[in-house]
Protein backbone atom coordinates (compact mmCIF):
# COMPACT_ATOMS: atom_id res chain seq x y z
CA MET A 1 9.98 91.08 60.74
CA GLU A 2 12.30 88.42 62.23
CA VAL A 3 14.06 87.45 59.03
CA THR A 4 15.81 84.34 60.36
CA GLN A 5 12.45 82.83 61.32
CA ILE A 6 10.46 83.93 58.26
CA LEU A 7 12.81 83.87 55.29
CA HIS A 8 12.88 80.59 53.37
CA MET A 9 11.94 79.35 49.93
CA ASN A 10 8.63 77.50 49.50
CA GLY A 11 9.25 73.91 50.54
CA GLY A 12 7.85 70.62 49.29
CA VAL A 13 7.37 69.61 45.66
CA GLY A 14 4.04 71.33 44.93
CA GLU A 15 3.10 73.73 42.14
CA ALA A 16 4.40 76.78 44.03
CA SER A 17 7.47 75.06 45.53
CA TYR A 18 11.01 76.28 45.02
CA ALA A 19 11.93 72.76 43.89
CA ASN A 20 9.64 73.18 40.86
CA ASN A 21 10.29 76.87 40.23
CA SER A 22 14.04 77.40 40.42
CA LEU A 23 15.10 77.01 36.80
CA LEU A 24 16.35 80.60 36.70
CA GLN A 25 18.62 79.98 39.68
CA GLN A 26 19.81 76.77 38.00
CA LYS A 27 20.70 78.72 34.88
CA VAL A 28 22.82 81.10 36.97
CA ILE A 29 24.62 78.11 38.55
CA TYR A 30 25.41 76.80 35.06
CA LEU A 31 26.65 80.24 33.97
CA THR A 32 29.16 80.37 36.82
CA LYS A 33 30.34 76.75 36.54
CA HIS A 34 33.70 77.68 34.99
CA ILE A 35 34.56 79.83 38.00
CA ARG A 36 33.72 77.07 40.49
CA ASP A 37 35.59 74.43 38.47
CA GLU A 38 38.68 76.60 38.36
CA ALA A 39 38.49 77.28 42.11
CA ILE A 40 38.03 73.67 43.23
CA ALA A 41 40.73 72.40 40.84
CA SER A 42 43.20 74.99 42.14
CA LEU A 43 42.29 74.14 45.74
CA TYR A 44 42.75 70.40 45.27
CA ARG A 45 46.05 70.68 43.39
CA SER A 46 47.53 73.00 46.02
CA THR A 47 46.36 71.15 49.17
CA LEU A 48 45.65 67.50 48.20
CA PRO A 49 43.36 67.02 51.25
CA ARG A 50 42.58 63.47 52.38
CA SER A 51 39.22 64.77 53.60
CA LEU A 52 37.55 67.56 51.61
CA THR A 53 34.88 69.64 53.35
CA ILE A 54 32.42 71.48 51.11
CA ALA A 55 29.85 73.96 52.44
CA ASP A 56 26.90 75.24 50.42
CA LEU A 57 25.42 78.32 52.09
CA GLY A 58 21.77 79.03 51.32
CA CYS A 59 21.33 75.55 49.86
CA SER A 60 17.49 75.68 49.79
CA SER A 61 15.89 72.44 48.54
CA GLY A 62 15.20 70.82 45.19
CA PRO A 63 17.41 69.88 42.21
CA ASN A 64 19.79 72.84 42.60
CA THR A 65 20.80 71.76 46.11
CA PHE A 66 22.91 68.85 44.92
CA PHE A 67 24.06 70.18 41.56
CA VAL A 68 27.05 72.18 42.82
CA VAL A 69 28.08 69.36 45.16
CA SER A 70 27.89 66.87 42.31
CA GLU A 71 29.91 69.03 39.92
CA THR A 72 32.53 69.75 42.60
CA ILE A 73 33.04 66.05 43.31
CA LYS A 74 33.31 65.32 39.57
CA VAL A 75 36.11 67.88 39.19
CA VAL A 76 38.03 66.40 42.12
CA GLU A 77 37.55 62.83 40.90
CA LYS A 78 38.83 63.75 37.45
CA LEU A 79 41.94 65.25 39.03
CA CYS A 80 42.43 62.17 41.20
CA ARG A 81 42.49 59.98 38.08
CA GLU A 82 44.88 62.34 36.31
CA LEU A 83 47.24 62.47 39.30
CA ASP A 84 46.76 58.79 40.19
CA HIS A 85 45.59 59.76 43.68
CA LYS A 86 43.14 57.99 45.94
CA SER A 87 39.76 59.76 46.23
CA PRO A 88 39.37 61.90 49.34
CA GLU A 89 36.54 61.56 51.81
CA TYR A 90 33.85 64.16 51.12
CA VAL A 91 32.13 66.05 53.93
CA VAL A 92 29.20 68.08 52.59
CA LEU A 93 27.62 70.72 54.83
CA LEU A 94 24.27 72.07 53.61
CA ASN A 95 23.34 75.33 55.31
CA ASP A 96 20.19 77.42 55.25
CA LEU A 97 17.88 79.18 57.70
CA PRO A 98 15.82 76.98 60.07
CA GLY A 99 12.63 77.27 58.01
CA ASN A 100 14.29 75.58 55.02
CA ASP A 101 12.87 72.25 53.84
CA PHE A 102 15.75 70.08 55.02
CA ASN A 103 13.44 67.04 55.13
CA ASN A 104 12.99 67.15 51.36
CA ILE A 105 16.76 67.40 50.88
CA PHE A 106 17.50 64.28 52.86
CA LYS A 107 14.66 62.32 51.27
CA SER A 108 16.45 62.96 47.95
CA LEU A 109 19.88 61.97 49.19
CA THR A 110 19.83 58.28 48.22
CA ASN A 111 18.75 59.08 44.65
CA PHE A 112 21.46 61.74 44.41
CA LYS A 113 24.21 59.34 45.49
CA GLU A 114 23.04 56.63 43.06
CA LYS A 115 22.90 59.14 40.19
CA LEU A 116 26.38 60.45 41.00
CA MET A 117 27.85 56.93 41.08
CA ASN A 118 26.28 56.11 37.71
CA GLU A 119 27.57 59.32 36.14
CA LEU A 120 31.13 58.79 37.39
CA GLU A 121 31.20 55.05 36.65
CA THR A 122 34.04 54.68 39.16
CA LYS A 123 34.15 54.16 42.90
CA ILE A 124 34.68 57.38 44.83
CA GLY A 125 35.55 58.20 48.41
CA PRO A 126 32.81 58.08 51.05
CA CYS A 127 30.42 61.08 51.13
CA TYR A 128 29.02 62.34 54.43
CA PHE A 129 26.14 64.84 54.35
CA TYR A 130 25.02 67.13 57.15
CA GLY A 131 22.29 69.76 57.44
CA VAL A 132 23.39 72.95 59.21
CA PRO A 133 20.47 75.27 60.03
CA GLY A 134 21.40 78.82 60.96
CA SER A 135 22.21 82.28 59.62
CA PHE A 136 25.51 82.65 57.78
CA TYR A 137 25.70 86.14 59.29
CA GLY A 138 27.22 84.43 62.30
CA ARG A 139 29.53 81.50 63.06
CA ILE A 140 28.07 78.16 61.98
CA PHE A 141 31.13 75.91 61.53
CA PRO A 142 34.23 75.06 63.62
CA ASN A 143 37.51 76.95 63.22
CA GLN A 144 39.59 76.06 60.15
CA SER A 145 37.17 73.33 59.05
CA LEU A 146 36.08 74.30 55.50
CA HIS A 147 38.00 73.77 52.28
CA PHE A 148 35.47 75.02 49.73
CA VAL A 149 32.51 77.35 50.31
CA HIS A 150 29.84 78.01 47.71
CA SER A 151 26.83 80.31 47.79
CA SER A 152 24.57 81.33 44.90
CA TYR A 153 21.68 83.81 45.03
CA SER A 154 21.67 83.88 48.83
CA LEU A 155 23.98 86.69 49.94
CA GLN A 156 21.75 89.41 48.52
CA TRP A 157 19.37 88.56 51.38
CA LEU A 158 20.03 90.73 54.42
CA SER A 159 19.96 89.70 58.07
CA LYS A 160 17.17 92.22 58.68
CA VAL A 161 15.13 94.96 57.07
CA PRO A 162 17.27 98.11 57.44
CA ASP A 163 16.36 100.56 60.18
CA CYS A 164 14.90 103.98 59.38
CA VAL A 165 13.07 103.07 56.16
CA GLU A 166 9.60 103.97 57.46
CA ASN A 167 9.30 106.74 54.86
CA ASN A 168 9.59 104.30 51.94
CA LYS A 169 5.83 104.64 51.39
CA GLY A 170 4.24 102.69 48.55
CA ASN A 171 7.47 100.77 47.87
CA ILE A 172 8.56 97.36 49.11
CA TYR A 173 12.24 97.75 48.24
CA MET A 174 14.56 100.42 46.88
CA SER A 175 13.03 102.13 43.88
CA SER A 176 13.32 105.26 41.77
CA THR A 177 10.84 106.94 44.15
CA SER A 178 12.56 105.86 47.39
CA PRO A 179 14.01 108.68 49.55
CA LEU A 180 17.80 108.91 49.64
CA ASN A 181 17.93 107.85 53.28
CA VAL A 182 16.29 104.55 52.31
CA LEU A 183 18.94 103.82 49.68
CA LYS A 184 21.65 104.70 52.21
CA ALA A 185 20.10 102.48 54.90
CA TYR A 186 19.96 99.48 52.57
CA TYR A 187 23.57 99.92 51.49
CA GLU A 188 24.83 100.30 55.06
CA GLN A 189 22.96 97.14 56.12
CA PHE A 190 24.61 95.27 53.25
CA GLN A 191 28.03 96.54 54.35
CA ARG A 192 27.47 95.36 57.92
CA ASP A 193 26.12 91.98 56.87
CA PHE A 194 28.69 91.13 54.21
CA SER A 195 31.55 92.28 56.43
CA THR A 196 30.24 89.99 59.19
CA PHE A 197 29.91 87.15 56.70
CA LEU A 198 33.53 87.53 55.61
CA LYS A 199 34.83 87.72 59.19
CA CYS A 200 32.98 84.53 60.14
CA ARG A 201 34.12 82.60 57.08
CA ALA A 202 37.70 83.80 57.60
CA GLU A 203 37.69 81.90 60.90
CA GLU A 204 36.05 78.80 59.42
CA VAL A 205 37.94 78.39 56.12
CA VAL A 206 41.38 76.75 56.12
CA GLU A 207 44.38 78.69 54.84
CA GLY A 208 44.33 78.41 51.06
CA GLY A 209 40.65 77.44 51.12
CA ARG A 210 38.37 78.82 48.44
CA MET A 211 34.99 80.56 48.27
CA VAL A 212 32.84 81.21 45.20
CA LEU A 213 29.92 83.56 45.89
CA THR A 214 27.24 84.70 43.44
CA PHE A 215 24.94 87.61 44.27
CA LEU A 216 21.85 88.86 42.50
CA GLY A 217 23.32 92.28 41.80
CA ARG A 218 23.64 95.16 39.37
CA ARG A 219 26.07 96.84 36.98
CA SER A 220 24.95 100.41 37.60
CA VAL A 221 26.29 102.68 40.33
CA ASP A 222 22.67 103.73 40.90
CA ARG A 223 21.34 101.68 43.83
CA SER A 224 17.77 102.15 42.63
CA SER A 225 18.65 101.13 39.08
CA LYS A 226 15.93 99.46 37.08
CA GLU A 227 18.23 96.49 36.38
CA CYS A 228 18.09 95.43 40.03
CA CYS A 229 14.93 96.97 41.48
CA TYR A 230 12.41 96.63 38.65
CA ILE A 231 11.26 93.13 39.55
CA TRP A 232 10.24 94.35 43.03
CA GLU A 233 8.78 97.62 41.74
CA LEU A 234 6.38 95.60 39.60
CA MET A 235 5.38 93.51 42.61
CA ALA A 236 4.79 96.76 44.50
CA THR A 237 2.56 97.86 41.62
CA ALA A 238 0.42 94.74 42.06
CA LEU A 239 0.17 95.34 45.81
CA ASN A 240 -0.68 99.03 45.34
CA ASP A 241 -3.48 98.00 42.96
CA MET A 242 -4.82 95.82 45.76
CA VAL A 243 -4.72 98.80 48.13
CA VAL A 244 -6.84 100.76 45.66
CA LYS A 245 -9.29 97.83 45.53
CA GLU A 246 -9.24 97.75 49.36
CA ILE A 247 -8.04 94.14 49.35
CA ILE A 248 -5.13 95.10 51.59
CA LYS A 249 -4.70 98.15 53.80
CA LYS A 250 -2.41 101.02 52.87
CA GLU A 251 -0.82 100.88 56.32
CA GLN A 252 0.13 97.25 55.71
CA LEU A 253 1.84 98.06 52.44
CA ASP A 254 3.64 101.09 53.87
CA THR A 255 5.23 98.97 56.59
CA PHE A 256 6.41 96.16 54.31
CA ASN A 257 9.99 96.18 52.99
CA ILE A 258 12.01 93.32 51.50
CA PRO A 259 15.26 92.44 53.39
CA LEU A 260 17.43 92.38 50.29
CA TYR A 261 20.28 94.32 48.70
CA THR A 262 21.58 93.84 45.15
CA PRO A 263 25.21 95.01 45.19
CA SER A 264 27.44 96.11 42.35
CA SER A 265 30.74 94.32 41.73
CA SER A 266 32.65 97.33 43.10
CA GLU A 267 30.64 97.23 46.34
CA VAL A 268 31.37 93.52 46.77
CA LYS A 269 35.07 94.09 46.03
CA LEU A 270 35.28 96.99 48.50
CA GLU A 271 34.01 94.92 51.43
CA VAL A 272 36.41 92.05 50.63
CA LEU A 273 39.37 94.43 50.53
CA LYS A 274 38.28 96.17 53.75
CA GLU A 275 37.91 92.89 55.66
CA GLY A 276 41.28 91.73 54.38
CA SER A 277 41.25 87.96 54.94
CA PHE A 278 40.75 86.87 51.31
CA ILE A 279 42.53 87.28 47.98
CA ILE A 280 40.27 88.05 45.01
CA ASN A 281 40.96 85.61 42.15
CA ARG A 282 38.03 86.48 39.89
CA LEU A 283 35.22 89.02 39.87
CA GLU A 284 32.74 88.65 37.03
CA VAL A 285 29.36 90.05 36.05
CA SER A 286 26.87 88.07 33.97
CA GLU A 287 23.20 88.34 33.08
CA VAL A 288 20.25 86.03 32.64
CA ASN A 289 16.96 86.87 30.96
CA TRP A 290 13.86 87.09 33.14
CA ASN A 291 12.46 84.48 30.80
CA VAL A 292 14.84 81.54 31.18
CA TYR A 293 13.50 80.17 27.88
CA ASP A 294 14.65 83.39 26.23
CA ASN A 295 14.52 83.40 22.46
CA TRP A 296 13.81 87.08 21.84
CA ASN A 297 15.00 87.33 18.25
CA SER A 298 13.37 84.21 16.80
CA PHE A 299 9.81 85.52 16.32
CA GLU A 300 8.30 86.62 13.03
CA ASN A 301 5.81 89.11 14.53
CA GLU A 302 4.84 90.86 17.76
CA SER A 303 1.79 88.68 18.50
CA GLU A 304 3.86 85.51 18.27
CA LYS A 305 6.48 87.00 20.56
CA CYS A 306 3.93 88.16 23.15
CA GLU A 307 2.19 84.78 23.19
CA TYR A 308 5.52 83.10 23.85
CA LEU A 309 6.55 85.58 26.53
CA SER A 310 3.22 85.21 28.36
CA ASN A 311 4.45 81.78 29.41
CA GLY A 312 7.60 83.51 30.61
CA GLY A 313 5.47 85.80 32.78
CA TYR A 314 3.83 82.80 34.39
CA ASN A 315 7.18 81.08 34.98
CA LEU A 316 8.75 84.19 36.50
CA ALA A 317 5.71 84.89 38.70
CA GLN A 318 5.93 81.31 39.98
CA CYS A 319 9.67 81.70 40.58
CA MET A 320 9.12 84.92 42.54
CA ARG A 321 6.27 83.31 44.45
CA ALA A 322 8.52 80.43 45.51
CA VAL A 323 10.96 83.03 46.85
CA ALA A 324 8.72 85.76 48.29
CA GLU A 325 5.54 83.99 49.41
CA PRO A 326 6.68 83.28 53.00
CA LEU A 327 7.55 86.97 53.49
CA LEU A 328 4.22 88.13 52.06
CA VAL A 329 2.21 85.61 54.08
CA SER A 330 3.95 86.67 57.28
CA HIS A 331 2.99 90.31 56.72
CA PHE A 332 -0.30 90.26 54.78
CA GLY A 333 -1.72 86.81 55.54
CA GLU A 334 -2.42 83.87 53.23
CA THR A 335 -5.70 85.14 51.80
CA ILE A 336 -4.10 87.71 49.48
CA ILE A 337 -1.52 85.43 47.86
CA GLU A 338 -3.47 84.08 44.86
CA GLU A 339 -4.78 87.53 43.96
CA ALA A 340 -1.39 89.17 44.41
CA PHE A 341 0.47 86.76 42.13
CA SER A 342 -2.31 86.70 39.54
CA ARG A 343 -2.01 90.50 39.24
CA TYR A 344 1.78 90.26 39.33
CA GLN A 345 1.80 87.76 36.46
CA GLU A 346 -0.30 90.08 34.29
CA ILE A 347 2.11 92.95 34.95
CA LEU A 348 5.13 90.75 34.16
CA ASN A 349 3.52 89.55 30.93
CA ASP A 350 3.03 93.13 29.81
CA ARG A 351 6.58 94.23 30.66
CA MET A 352 8.31 91.17 29.22
CA CYS A 353 6.37 91.58 25.97
CA LYS A 354 7.49 95.19 25.58
CA GLU A 355 11.12 95.20 26.69
CA LYS A 356 14.18 93.07 27.30
CA THR A 357 14.53 92.32 30.98
CA TYR A 358 17.54 90.78 32.71
CA PHE A 359 18.81 89.81 36.13
CA ILE A 360 22.43 90.80 36.79
CA ASN A 361 24.74 88.38 38.61
CA VAL A 362 27.94 89.29 40.46
CA THR A 363 30.29 86.35 41.08
CA ILE A 364 33.49 86.54 43.13
CA SER A 365 36.11 83.80 43.64
CA LEU A 366 38.25 84.13 46.78
CA THR A 367 41.19 82.41 48.45
CA ARG A 368 41.72 82.49 52.22
CA LYS A 369 45.05 84.19 52.92
CA ALA A 370 47.76 82.35 54.82
């Protein structure tokens, strides 16, 4: 699997698109807003740049793409008014892998600028937008060119499926039944990738520049913990059912593994300290319910709760489809997709009705050392 060519969210604005199925990711961005606001305010006060360069890594496409940019500009503009400073020029660099739907982003750009102007109700500095296709596990920007770097729900994706995981039979990711060597291989691939990421950004970020990074992660020290692996174990269950029904071949399933690692906060911290170019300002863990319309305690009986959560199963299955469909199509072909996600939705409905289920987020705020 050539991850850089295959990995991307579903493009367009259709029923299965990321643009229409990324509310969960949006909720995470809202949850971490206070950390970003603090970082960009501190950056602006300490550097007062005449031209402010913002990079969003793993920008994808849809409403979330412009949200962080918009909120960042609003913070800076508020500070400019308070300090009686002229607005800086804004350079916005939107990065993702080459398969990303950059066309949809730039079709939305005019509407975004008009909306931002209306919300601010004041004239701001000129905004220049650029698309930057390429893997952030390598250099993608000039030396000392970035002031503020943001990435949310992207850095858990690895540059490749780890080597030596051929014995992870029946699984598509780390799980409670994965051999120890598989767990070790995934962790070591994360270490290599995140270390490379930090080294590259250390060359690209100006001294005193800031980064705010949010990973899909875990609290537990157990790398196969249910809190981070369960969502993929349930997808593996759906695919294994299809093996039993001879819809897909066992050999196909046994050779499919997701290029992803959900780190703990201590694992993220360790790599930052080892690389040594950044100061850690904040490191926080948060959670978001699988059902973004979570209202677990407001039901009078079990049947009412399960009926409500069945919609959550559909929403989550669509969210996961928007994320994972390109990987599944590349390996299994398009013909299995509808069946796979129909089965997956049923499994999610059942689980979400019976237990509380959460995604864990690890957010770190960093400053580039002088």
